[in-house]
Amino acid sequence: MIKYDKISKIIITALMLGFMLWFGVTVARGVIGYDIFNPEAELSLKQSYPPAIKLQNIYLYANLALYTGVGYIVAFVSALLLLFRLKHYLKPNGWLFMAFSLFFLASPMHLYSIYLDYHLAVAVIQNGVRDFLSAPVQKYFFTRFTDVMMTTLSSLAFLANLTSFLFVIWKPLVKKMRV
């Protein structure tokens, strides 16, 4: 049984709040981002949307990048601190080891996504890019949705983090003693 002290409980709370913020906003951003595409095997832009609506979707997508970035960074730093505080519990608790492993294996992809989101947000919000066909929008937004490698890796990383969270909830590797 893991005994959590007060500092560990605060770190766990920050981890869960950061994870929930990142998870919820990631789902919302996915809905906003995919809205401008036709639901087909190969993504194509909706012709019924004028460029102003497409750019508005990209603007909303870029605005929400702050929340996903902050949420994931808070979760990442909290998980790192928690890993050092609970390192002696990793061997007897396989679920904890797997949760940390999956979380940190997925983090390079999420950190790269945060990097792309940052550049898109700077271009759209701070620099005021108002052309749907501009280079920053094409480079940073369409890379996220149309590049096969990017979509595959980001989907796998998302599922790895979700599985990590499920390991913490259900603790599937805990051996139960029969009485």
N, C-alpha and C. Protein backbone atom coordinates (compact mmCIF):
# COMPACT_ATOMS: atom_id res chain seq x y z
N MET A 1 0.84 -1.18 0.00
CA MET A 1 0.00 0.00 0.00
C MET A 1 0.88 1.24 0.00
N ILE A 2 0.56 2.17 -0.87
CA ILE A 2 1.34 3.40 -0.98
C ILE A 2 0.82 4.41 0.04
N LYS A 3 1.73 4.96 0.80
CA LYS A 3 1.39 6.00 1.77
C LYS A 3 1.78 7.34 1.17
N TYR A 4 0.79 8.21 0.99
CA TYR A 4 1.04 9.53 0.41
C TYR A 4 1.14 10.57 1.52
N ASP A 5 2.20 11.36 1.49
CA ASP A 5 2.29 12.48 2.42
C ASP A 5 1.56 13.68 1.81
N LYS A 6 1.54 14.78 2.53
CA LYS A 6 0.78 15.95 2.11
C LYS A 6 1.31 16.53 0.78
N ILE A 7 2.62 16.58 0.64
CA ILE A 7 3.21 17.12 -0.59
C ILE A 7 2.87 16.23 -1.79
N SER A 8 2.92 14.93 -1.59
CA SER A 8 2.57 14.01 -2.68
C SER A 8 1.11 14.17 -3.08
N LYS A 9 0.24 14.39 -2.12
CA LYS A 9 -1.17 14.61 -2.44
C LYS A 9 -1.38 15.89 -3.25
N ILE A 10 -0.62 16.92 -2.92
CA ILE A 10 -0.71 18.19 -3.68
C ILE A 10 -0.20 17.97 -5.10
N ILE A 11 0.89 17.22 -5.24
CA ILE A 11 1.44 16.94 -6.57
C ILE A 11 0.46 16.09 -7.39
N ILE A 12 -0.17 15.10 -6.76
CA ILE A 12 -1.16 14.27 -7.45
C ILE A 12 -2.34 15.12 -7.90
N THR A 13 -2.77 16.05 -7.06
CA THR A 13 -3.88 16.94 -7.43
C THR A 13 -3.50 17.79 -8.63
N ALA A 14 -2.30 18.35 -8.62
CA ALA A 14 -1.85 19.15 -9.77
C ALA A 14 -1.74 18.30 -11.03
N LEU A 15 -1.27 17.06 -10.86
CA LEU A 15 -1.17 16.14 -12.00
C LEU A 15 -2.54 15.86 -12.60
N MET A 16 -3.50 15.56 -11.76
CA MET A 16 -4.85 15.24 -12.25
C MET A 16 -5.53 16.47 -12.86
N LEU A 17 -5.37 17.62 -12.26
CA LEU A 17 -5.98 18.84 -12.82
C LEU A 17 -5.35 19.19 -14.17
N GLY A 18 -4.03 19.09 -14.26
CA GLY A 18 -3.36 19.33 -15.53
C GLY A 18 -3.76 18.33 -16.59
N PHE A 19 -3.86 17.07 -16.19
CA PHE A 19 -4.26 16.02 -17.15
C PHE A 19 -5.69 16.24 -17.62
N MET A 20 -6.60 16.57 -16.70
CA MET A 20 -8.00 16.79 -17.09
C MET A 20 -8.13 18.00 -18.01
N LEU A 21 -7.39 19.07 -17.72
CA LEU A 21 -7.42 20.25 -18.59
C LEU A 21 -6.90 19.89 -19.98
N TRP A 22 -5.77 19.22 -20.02
CA TRP A 22 -5.19 18.82 -21.31
C TRP A 22 -6.13 17.90 -22.07
N PHE A 23 -6.66 16.90 -21.40
CA PHE A 23 -7.53 15.91 -22.06
C PHE A 23 -8.79 16.55 -22.62
N GLY A 24 -9.48 17.34 -21.82
CA GLY A 24 -10.73 17.96 -22.25
C GLY A 24 -10.55 18.93 -23.41
N VAL A 25 -9.53 19.76 -23.32
CA VAL A 25 -9.30 20.74 -24.37
C VAL A 25 -8.77 20.07 -25.63
N THR A 26 -8.02 18.98 -25.49
CA THR A 26 -7.55 18.24 -26.67
C THR A 26 -8.73 17.69 -27.46
N VAL A 27 -9.72 17.17 -26.77
CA VAL A 27 -10.92 16.67 -27.45
C VAL A 27 -11.65 17.82 -28.15
N ALA A 28 -11.80 18.94 -27.47
CA ALA A 28 -12.47 20.10 -28.08
C ALA A 28 -11.70 20.62 -29.28
N ARG A 29 -10.38 20.66 -29.18
CA ARG A 29 -9.57 21.12 -30.31
C ARG A 29 -9.67 20.17 -31.49
N GLY A 30 -9.75 18.89 -31.22
CA GLY A 30 -9.92 17.92 -32.31
C GLY A 30 -11.22 18.15 -33.07
N VAL A 31 -12.28 18.41 -32.32
CA VAL A 31 -13.58 18.68 -32.96
C VAL A 31 -13.51 19.96 -33.79
N ILE A 32 -12.90 21.00 -33.26
CA ILE A 32 -12.78 22.27 -33.98
C ILE A 32 -11.89 22.11 -35.21
N GLY A 33 -10.77 21.43 -35.04
CA GLY A 33 -9.84 21.28 -36.16
C GLY A 33 -10.39 20.45 -37.30
N TYR A 34 -11.06 19.35 -36.98
CA TYR A 34 -11.58 18.48 -38.03
C TYR A 34 -12.87 19.01 -38.65
N ASP A 35 -13.43 20.06 -38.10
CA ASP A 35 -14.68 20.60 -38.63
C ASP A 35 -14.53 21.15 -40.04
N ILE A 36 -13.38 21.61 -40.42
CA ILE A 36 -13.22 22.20 -41.75
C ILE A 36 -12.92 21.16 -42.83
N PHE A 37 -12.82 19.89 -42.42
CA PHE A 37 -12.53 18.82 -43.38
C PHE A 37 -13.77 17.97 -43.63
N ASN A 38 -13.85 17.40 -44.83
CA ASN A 38 -14.90 16.43 -45.14
C ASN A 38 -14.56 15.11 -44.47
N PRO A 39 -15.54 14.42 -43.93
CA PRO A 39 -15.26 13.13 -43.28
C PRO A 39 -15.09 12.02 -44.32
N GLU A 40 -13.90 11.93 -44.85
CA GLU A 40 -13.57 10.93 -45.86
C GLU A 40 -12.28 10.24 -45.46
N ALA A 41 -11.91 9.22 -46.21
CA ALA A 41 -10.68 8.50 -45.93
C ALA A 41 -9.46 9.41 -46.10
N GLU A 42 -9.48 10.24 -47.11
CA GLU A 42 -8.42 11.21 -47.32
C GLU A 42 -9.01 12.59 -47.08
N LEU A 43 -8.41 13.34 -46.16
CA LEU A 43 -8.99 14.62 -45.78
C LEU A 43 -8.98 15.63 -46.91
N SER A 44 -10.12 16.25 -47.13
CA SER A 44 -10.23 17.35 -48.08
C SER A 44 -11.05 18.44 -47.41
N LEU A 45 -10.76 19.67 -47.77
CA LEU A 45 -11.45 20.80 -47.16
C LEU A 45 -12.90 20.86 -47.61
N LYS A 46 -13.76 21.29 -46.71
CA LYS A 46 -15.16 21.49 -47.06
C LYS A 46 -15.27 22.69 -47.99
N GLN A 47 -15.88 22.49 -49.12
CA GLN A 47 -16.03 23.58 -50.09
C GLN A 47 -17.16 24.52 -49.70
N SER A 48 -18.08 24.04 -48.84
CA SER A 48 -19.21 24.88 -48.45
C SER A 48 -18.81 25.96 -47.45
N TYR A 49 -17.63 25.82 -46.83
CA TYR A 49 -17.17 26.83 -45.88
C TYR A 49 -16.36 27.90 -46.62
N PRO A 50 -16.69 29.16 -46.43
CA PRO A 50 -15.83 30.21 -47.00
C PRO A 50 -14.52 30.30 -46.21
N PRO A 51 -13.50 30.91 -46.80
CA PRO A 51 -12.20 31.02 -46.10
C PRO A 51 -12.30 31.71 -44.74
N ALA A 52 -13.23 32.62 -44.56
CA ALA A 52 -13.36 33.32 -43.27
C ALA A 52 -13.76 32.34 -42.16
N ILE A 53 -14.65 31.41 -42.45
CA ILE A 53 -15.07 30.42 -41.44
C ILE A 53 -13.93 29.45 -41.16
N LYS A 54 -13.23 29.04 -42.19
CA LYS A 54 -12.08 28.14 -41.99
C LYS A 54 -11.02 28.82 -41.12
N LEU A 55 -10.76 30.09 -41.40
CA LEU A 55 -9.78 30.83 -40.61
C LEU A 55 -10.26 31.02 -39.17
N GLN A 56 -11.57 31.20 -38.97
CA GLN A 56 -12.11 31.32 -37.62
C GLN A 56 -11.90 30.02 -36.83
N ASN A 57 -12.09 28.88 -37.50
CA ASN A 57 -11.83 27.60 -36.84
C ASN A 57 -10.36 27.48 -36.44
N ILE A 58 -9.48 27.90 -37.32
CA ILE A 58 -8.04 27.85 -37.02
C ILE A 58 -7.71 28.81 -35.88
N TYR A 59 -8.37 29.96 -35.86
CA TYR A 59 -8.17 30.93 -34.77
C TYR A 59 -8.61 30.33 -33.43
N LEU A 60 -9.78 29.68 -33.40
CA LEU A 60 -10.23 29.02 -32.17
C LEU A 60 -9.28 27.90 -31.77
N TYR A 61 -8.84 27.13 -32.74
CA TYR A 61 -7.89 26.04 -32.49
C TYR A 61 -6.60 26.58 -31.87
N ALA A 62 -6.10 27.69 -32.41
CA ALA A 62 -4.87 28.29 -31.89
C ALA A 62 -5.08 28.88 -30.50
N ASN A 63 -6.24 29.46 -30.25
CA ASN A 63 -6.52 30.02 -28.92
C ASN A 63 -6.55 28.95 -27.85
N LEU A 64 -7.07 27.79 -28.17
CA LEU A 64 -7.14 26.71 -27.19
C LEU A 64 -5.79 26.04 -26.95
N ALA A 65 -4.80 26.35 -27.79
CA ALA A 65 -3.47 25.76 -27.63
C ALA A 65 -2.86 26.13 -26.28
N LEU A 66 -3.16 27.31 -25.78
CA LEU A 66 -2.64 27.73 -24.49
C LEU A 66 -3.08 26.76 -23.39
N TYR A 67 -4.34 26.37 -23.43
CA TYR A 67 -4.87 25.48 -22.39
C TYR A 67 -4.26 24.09 -22.46
N THR A 68 -4.13 23.55 -23.67
CA THR A 68 -3.53 22.22 -23.78
C THR A 68 -2.06 22.26 -23.39
N GLY A 69 -1.37 23.30 -23.80
CA GLY A 69 0.05 23.41 -23.45
C GLY A 69 0.28 23.53 -21.97
N VAL A 70 -0.46 24.42 -21.33
CA VAL A 70 -0.32 24.61 -19.88
C VAL A 70 -0.74 23.35 -19.13
N GLY A 71 -1.86 22.77 -19.54
CA GLY A 71 -2.34 21.55 -18.87
C GLY A 71 -1.33 20.43 -18.96
N TYR A 72 -0.75 20.22 -20.14
CA TYR A 72 0.20 19.12 -20.28
C TYR A 72 1.51 19.41 -19.56
N ILE A 73 1.98 20.64 -19.60
CA ILE A 73 3.22 20.98 -18.89
C ILE A 73 3.04 20.80 -17.38
N VAL A 74 1.90 21.22 -16.85
CA VAL A 74 1.62 21.01 -15.42
C VAL A 74 1.59 19.53 -15.10
N ALA A 75 0.93 18.75 -15.94
CA ALA A 75 0.87 17.30 -15.72
C ALA A 75 2.25 16.67 -15.83
N PHE A 76 3.03 17.11 -16.80
CA PHE A 76 4.36 16.54 -17.00
C PHE A 76 5.28 16.84 -15.82
N VAL A 77 5.32 18.09 -15.39
CA VAL A 77 6.18 18.46 -14.26
C VAL A 77 5.71 17.74 -12.98
N SER A 78 4.40 17.68 -12.78
CA SER A 78 3.86 16.99 -11.60
C SER A 78 4.21 15.51 -11.64
N ALA A 79 4.10 14.89 -12.81
CA ALA A 79 4.44 13.46 -12.93
C ALA A 79 5.93 13.24 -12.67
N LEU A 80 6.75 14.15 -13.13
CA LEU A 80 8.18 14.03 -12.89
C LEU A 80 8.50 14.14 -11.40
N LEU A 81 7.90 15.12 -10.73
CA LEU A 81 8.10 15.26 -9.29
C LEU A 81 7.57 14.04 -8.54
N LEU A 82 6.42 13.56 -8.95
CA LEU A 82 5.82 12.39 -8.29
C LEU A 82 6.67 11.14 -8.52
N LEU A 83 7.25 11.02 -9.70
CA LEU A 83 8.12 9.88 -9.98
C LEU A 83 9.29 9.84 -9.00
N PHE A 84 9.91 10.99 -8.76
CA PHE A 84 11.03 11.02 -7.82
C PHE A 84 10.59 10.78 -6.38
N ARG A 85 9.39 11.20 -6.03
CA ARG A 85 8.91 10.99 -4.67
C ARG A 85 8.48 9.54 -4.43
N LEU A 86 8.01 8.86 -5.48
CA LEU A 86 7.48 7.51 -5.32
C LEU A 86 8.36 6.44 -5.97
N LYS A 87 9.61 6.75 -6.25
CA LYS A 87 10.46 5.81 -6.98
C LYS A 87 10.65 4.48 -6.25
N HIS A 88 10.60 4.48 -4.94
CA HIS A 88 10.78 3.23 -4.21
C HIS A 88 9.50 2.37 -4.22
N TYR A 89 8.39 2.90 -4.73
CA TYR A 89 7.14 2.13 -4.84
C TYR A 89 6.97 1.53 -6.24
N LEU A 90 7.85 1.82 -7.17
CA LEU A 90 7.67 1.37 -8.55
C LEU A 90 7.80 -0.15 -8.69
N LYS A 91 8.77 -0.75 -8.02
CA LYS A 91 8.99 -2.18 -8.18
C LYS A 91 7.84 -3.02 -7.63
N PRO A 92 7.35 -2.75 -6.42
CA PRO A 92 6.24 -3.57 -5.93
C PRO A 92 4.87 -3.22 -6.54
N ASN A 93 4.76 -2.10 -7.21
CA ASN A 93 3.49 -1.67 -7.80
C ASN A 93 3.65 -1.53 -9.31
N GLY A 94 3.40 -2.62 -10.03
CA GLY A 94 3.57 -2.63 -11.48
C GLY A 94 2.67 -1.63 -12.19
N TRP A 95 1.49 -1.41 -11.66
CA TRP A 95 0.56 -0.46 -12.28
C TRP A 95 1.14 0.95 -12.28
N LEU A 96 1.85 1.30 -11.20
CA LEU A 96 2.46 2.62 -11.10
C LEU A 96 3.62 2.77 -12.08
N PHE A 97 4.41 1.71 -12.20
CA PHE A 97 5.51 1.71 -13.16
C PHE A 97 4.98 1.85 -14.58
N MET A 98 3.93 1.09 -14.92
CA MET A 98 3.37 1.17 -16.28
C MET A 98 2.74 2.53 -16.54
N ALA A 99 2.10 3.11 -15.55
CA ALA A 99 1.48 4.43 -15.73
C ALA A 99 2.55 5.48 -16.03
N PHE A 100 3.63 5.48 -15.26
CA PHE A 100 4.72 6.42 -15.51
C PHE A 100 5.40 6.15 -16.85
N SER A 101 5.62 4.88 -17.16
CA SER A 101 6.29 4.52 -18.42
C SER A 101 5.50 5.01 -19.62
N LEU A 102 4.21 4.72 -19.64
CA LEU A 102 3.38 5.15 -20.77
C LEU A 102 3.30 6.66 -20.87
N PHE A 103 3.17 7.31 -19.73
CA PHE A 103 3.08 8.77 -19.73
C PHE A 103 4.33 9.40 -20.31
N PHE A 104 5.50 8.94 -19.86
CA PHE A 104 6.74 9.56 -20.32
C PHE A 104 7.15 9.10 -21.72
N LEU A 105 6.70 7.92 -22.15
CA LEU A 105 6.96 7.50 -23.53
C LEU A 105 6.17 8.35 -24.53
N ALA A 106 4.99 8.79 -24.12
CA ALA A 106 4.14 9.60 -25.00
C ALA A 106 4.52 11.07 -24.98
N SER A 107 5.25 11.50 -23.99
CA SER A 107 5.50 12.94 -23.83
C SER A 107 6.31 13.59 -24.95
N PRO A 108 7.29 12.95 -25.60
CA PRO A 108 7.97 13.66 -26.70
C PRO A 108 7.01 14.09 -27.82
N MET A 109 6.05 13.25 -28.13
CA MET A 109 5.08 13.61 -29.17
C MET A 109 4.22 14.78 -28.73
N HIS A 110 3.79 14.78 -27.49
CA HIS A 110 2.96 15.88 -27.00
C HIS A 110 3.76 17.18 -26.89
N LEU A 111 5.01 17.07 -26.50
CA LEU A 111 5.85 18.27 -26.42
C LEU A 111 6.11 18.84 -27.82
N TYR A 112 6.27 17.96 -28.80
CA TYR A 112 6.41 18.44 -30.18
C TYR A 112 5.12 19.10 -30.66
N SER A 113 3.98 18.54 -30.29
CA SER A 113 2.69 19.14 -30.65
C SER A 113 2.54 20.51 -30.00
N ILE A 114 2.99 20.64 -28.76
CA ILE A 114 2.95 21.94 -28.08
C ILE A 114 3.83 22.94 -28.82
N TYR A 115 4.96 22.49 -29.31
CA TYR A 115 5.86 23.34 -30.10
C TYR A 115 5.16 23.84 -31.36
N LEU A 116 4.49 22.93 -32.09
CA LEU A 116 3.75 23.33 -33.29
C LEU A 116 2.60 24.28 -32.94
N ASP A 117 1.90 23.97 -31.86
CA ASP A 117 0.78 24.82 -31.44
C ASP A 117 1.25 26.22 -31.06
N TYR A 118 2.39 26.30 -30.41
CA TYR A 118 2.94 27.59 -30.03
C TYR A 118 3.20 28.45 -31.27
N HIS A 119 3.83 27.86 -32.27
CA HIS A 119 4.13 28.62 -33.49
C HIS A 119 2.86 29.02 -34.24
N LEU A 120 1.87 28.15 -34.25
CA LEU A 120 0.59 28.49 -34.88
C LEU A 120 -0.08 29.63 -34.12
N ALA A 121 -0.08 29.56 -32.80
CA ALA A 121 -0.72 30.60 -32.00
C ALA A 121 -0.01 31.94 -32.16
N VAL A 122 1.30 31.93 -32.20
CA VAL A 122 2.05 33.18 -32.41
C VAL A 122 1.70 33.77 -33.77
N ALA A 123 1.64 32.93 -34.78
CA ALA A 123 1.36 33.43 -36.13
C ALA A 123 -0.06 33.97 -36.25
N VAL A 124 -1.03 33.23 -35.69
CA VAL A 124 -2.44 33.61 -35.88
C VAL A 124 -2.87 34.70 -34.91
N ILE A 125 -2.49 34.58 -33.65
CA ILE A 125 -2.98 35.52 -32.63
C ILE A 125 -2.08 36.75 -32.52
N GLN A 126 -0.80 36.52 -32.30
CA GLN A 126 0.10 37.65 -32.05
C GLN A 126 0.46 38.41 -33.33
N ASN A 127 0.77 37.68 -34.39
CA ASN A 127 1.17 38.34 -35.64
C ASN A 127 -0.02 38.69 -36.54
N GLY A 128 -1.19 38.23 -36.18
CA GLY A 128 -2.40 38.60 -36.90
C GLY A 128 -2.52 38.05 -38.31
N VAL A 129 -2.07 36.82 -38.53
CA VAL A 129 -2.22 36.21 -39.85
C VAL A 129 -3.71 36.04 -40.13
N ARG A 130 -4.17 36.60 -41.24
CA ARG A 130 -5.59 36.55 -41.57
C ARG A 130 -5.85 35.92 -42.94
N ASP A 131 -4.86 35.19 -43.43
CA ASP A 131 -5.01 34.51 -44.71
C ASP A 131 -4.99 33.01 -44.47
N PHE A 132 -6.04 32.35 -44.91
CA PHE A 132 -6.17 30.92 -44.71
C PHE A 132 -5.06 30.15 -45.43
N LEU A 133 -4.56 30.67 -46.52
CA LEU A 133 -3.53 29.99 -47.30
C LEU A 133 -2.12 30.45 -46.95
N SER A 134 -1.95 31.14 -45.81
CA SER A 134 -0.62 31.63 -45.42
C SER A 134 0.30 30.47 -45.04
N ALA A 135 1.59 30.72 -45.11
CA ALA A 135 2.59 29.68 -44.84
C ALA A 135 2.51 29.14 -43.40
N PRO A 136 2.36 29.98 -42.37
CA PRO A 136 2.29 29.41 -41.01
C PRO A 136 1.07 28.51 -40.80
N VAL A 137 -0.06 28.90 -41.36
CA VAL A 137 -1.27 28.07 -41.22
C VAL A 137 -1.06 26.75 -41.95
N GLN A 138 -0.52 26.81 -43.14
CA GLN A 138 -0.28 25.59 -43.91
C GLN A 138 0.73 24.70 -43.20
N LYS A 139 1.78 25.31 -42.65
CA LYS A 139 2.85 24.52 -42.04
C LYS A 139 2.44 23.93 -40.69
N TYR A 140 1.86 24.74 -39.82
CA TYR A 140 1.62 24.29 -38.45
C TYR A 140 0.24 23.67 -38.24
N PHE A 141 -0.75 24.11 -38.95
CA PHE A 141 -2.09 23.55 -38.77
C PHE A 141 -2.27 22.29 -39.62
N PHE A 142 -1.98 22.39 -40.88
CA PHE A 142 -2.22 21.25 -41.77
C PHE A 142 -1.27 20.10 -41.50
N THR A 143 -0.10 20.37 -40.95
CA THR A 143 0.80 19.29 -40.56
C THR A 143 0.15 18.40 -39.51
N ARG A 144 -0.57 19.02 -38.59
CA ARG A 144 -1.23 18.27 -37.52
C ARG A 144 -2.32 17.34 -38.04
N PHE A 145 -2.97 17.71 -39.14
CA PHE A 145 -4.14 16.96 -39.58
C PHE A 145 -3.94 16.14 -40.85
N THR A 146 -3.03 16.53 -41.70
CA THR A 146 -2.90 15.82 -42.97
C THR A 146 -1.65 14.96 -43.08
N ASP A 147 -0.64 15.19 -42.26
CA ASP A 147 0.56 14.36 -42.29
C ASP A 147 0.27 13.04 -41.59
N VAL A 148 0.45 11.94 -42.32
CA VAL A 148 0.11 10.62 -41.80
C VAL A 148 0.95 10.28 -40.57
N MET A 149 2.23 10.56 -40.62
CA MET A 149 3.11 10.24 -39.48
C MET A 149 2.70 11.04 -38.24
N MET A 150 2.38 12.30 -38.43
CA MET A 150 2.00 13.15 -37.30
C MET A 150 0.68 12.69 -36.68
N THR A 151 -0.31 12.40 -37.50
CA THR A 151 -1.60 11.98 -36.95
C THR A 151 -1.50 10.62 -36.28
N THR A 152 -0.71 9.72 -36.85
CA THR A 152 -0.55 8.40 -36.26
C THR A 152 0.15 8.48 -34.91
N LEU A 153 1.26 9.19 -34.86
CA LEU A 153 2.02 9.29 -33.61
C LEU A 153 1.26 10.06 -32.54
N SER A 154 0.57 11.13 -32.92
CA SER A 154 -0.18 11.89 -31.92
C SER A 154 -1.37 11.08 -31.40
N SER A 155 -1.98 10.27 -32.26
CA SER A 155 -3.08 9.41 -31.80
C SER A 155 -2.57 8.34 -30.84
N LEU A 156 -1.44 7.73 -31.17
CA LEU A 156 -0.86 6.72 -30.27
C LEU A 156 -0.44 7.33 -28.94
N ALA A 157 0.12 8.53 -28.98
CA ALA A 157 0.51 9.20 -27.74
C ALA A 157 -0.70 9.54 -26.89
N PHE A 158 -1.77 9.98 -27.54
CA PHE A 158 -3.01 10.29 -26.82
C PHE A 158 -3.56 9.02 -26.15
N LEU A 159 -3.57 7.91 -26.88
CA LEU A 159 -4.06 6.65 -26.30
C LEU A 159 -3.14 6.14 -25.19
N ALA A 160 -1.84 6.36 -25.32
CA ALA A 160 -0.91 5.95 -24.26
C ALA A 160 -1.17 6.74 -22.99
N ASN A 161 -1.43 8.03 -23.11
CA ASN A 161 -1.74 8.82 -21.91
C ASN A 161 -3.07 8.43 -21.32
N LEU A 162 -4.03 8.12 -22.14
CA LEU A 162 -5.33 7.67 -21.64
C LEU A 162 -5.18 6.33 -20.91
N THR A 163 -4.38 5.42 -21.46
CA THR A 163 -4.13 4.14 -20.81
C THR A 163 -3.39 4.34 -19.50
N SER A 164 -2.46 5.26 -19.47
CA SER A 164 -1.74 5.58 -18.24
C SER A 164 -2.70 6.02 -17.14
N PHE A 165 -3.62 6.88 -17.52
CA PHE A 165 -4.62 7.35 -16.57
C PHE A 165 -5.50 6.19 -16.09
N LEU A 166 -5.86 5.29 -16.99
CA LEU A 166 -6.69 4.13 -16.61
C LEU A 166 -5.93 3.18 -15.68
N PHE A 167 -4.61 3.05 -15.87
CA PHE A 167 -3.81 2.24 -14.96
C PHE A 167 -3.88 2.78 -13.54
N VAL A 168 -3.87 4.10 -13.41
CA VAL A 168 -3.93 4.71 -12.08
C VAL A 168 -5.29 4.47 -11.45
N ILE A 169 -6.34 4.46 -12.25
CA ILE A 169 -7.69 4.28 -11.69
C ILE A 169 -7.93 2.82 -11.29
N TRP A 170 -7.67 1.87 -12.21
CA TRP A 170 -8.05 0.49 -11.94
C TRP A 170 -6.95 -0.38 -11.38
N LYS A 171 -5.71 0.05 -11.47
CA LYS A 171 -4.57 -0.70 -10.92
C LYS A 171 -4.63 -2.18 -11.31
N PRO A 172 -4.52 -2.50 -12.59
CA PRO A 172 -4.73 -3.87 -13.02
C PRO A 172 -3.63 -4.84 -12.62
N LEU A 173 -2.46 -4.37 -12.25
CA LEU A 173 -1.36 -5.26 -11.92
C LEU A 173 -1.20 -5.49 -10.42
N VAL A 174 -2.19 -5.12 -9.64
CA VAL A 174 -2.13 -5.32 -8.20
C VAL A 174 -2.54 -6.76 -7.90
N LYS A 175 -1.71 -7.44 -7.14
CA LYS A 175 -2.03 -8.80 -6.74
C LYS A 175 -2.92 -8.75 -5.51
N LYS A 176 -4.06 -9.39 -5.60
CA LYS A 176 -4.99 -9.40 -4.46
C LYS A 176 -4.79 -10.69 -3.68
N MET A 177 -4.78 -10.55 -2.38
CA MET A 177 -4.60 -11.72 -1.52
C MET A 177 -5.95 -12.34 -1.24
N ARG A 178 -6.01 -13.65 -1.31
CA ARG A 178 -7.25 -14.36 -0.99
C ARG A 178 -7.26 -14.70 0.48
N VAL A 179 -8.41 -14.48 1.07
CA VAL A 179 -8.54 -14.76 2.51
C VAL A 179 -9.35 -16.01 2.73
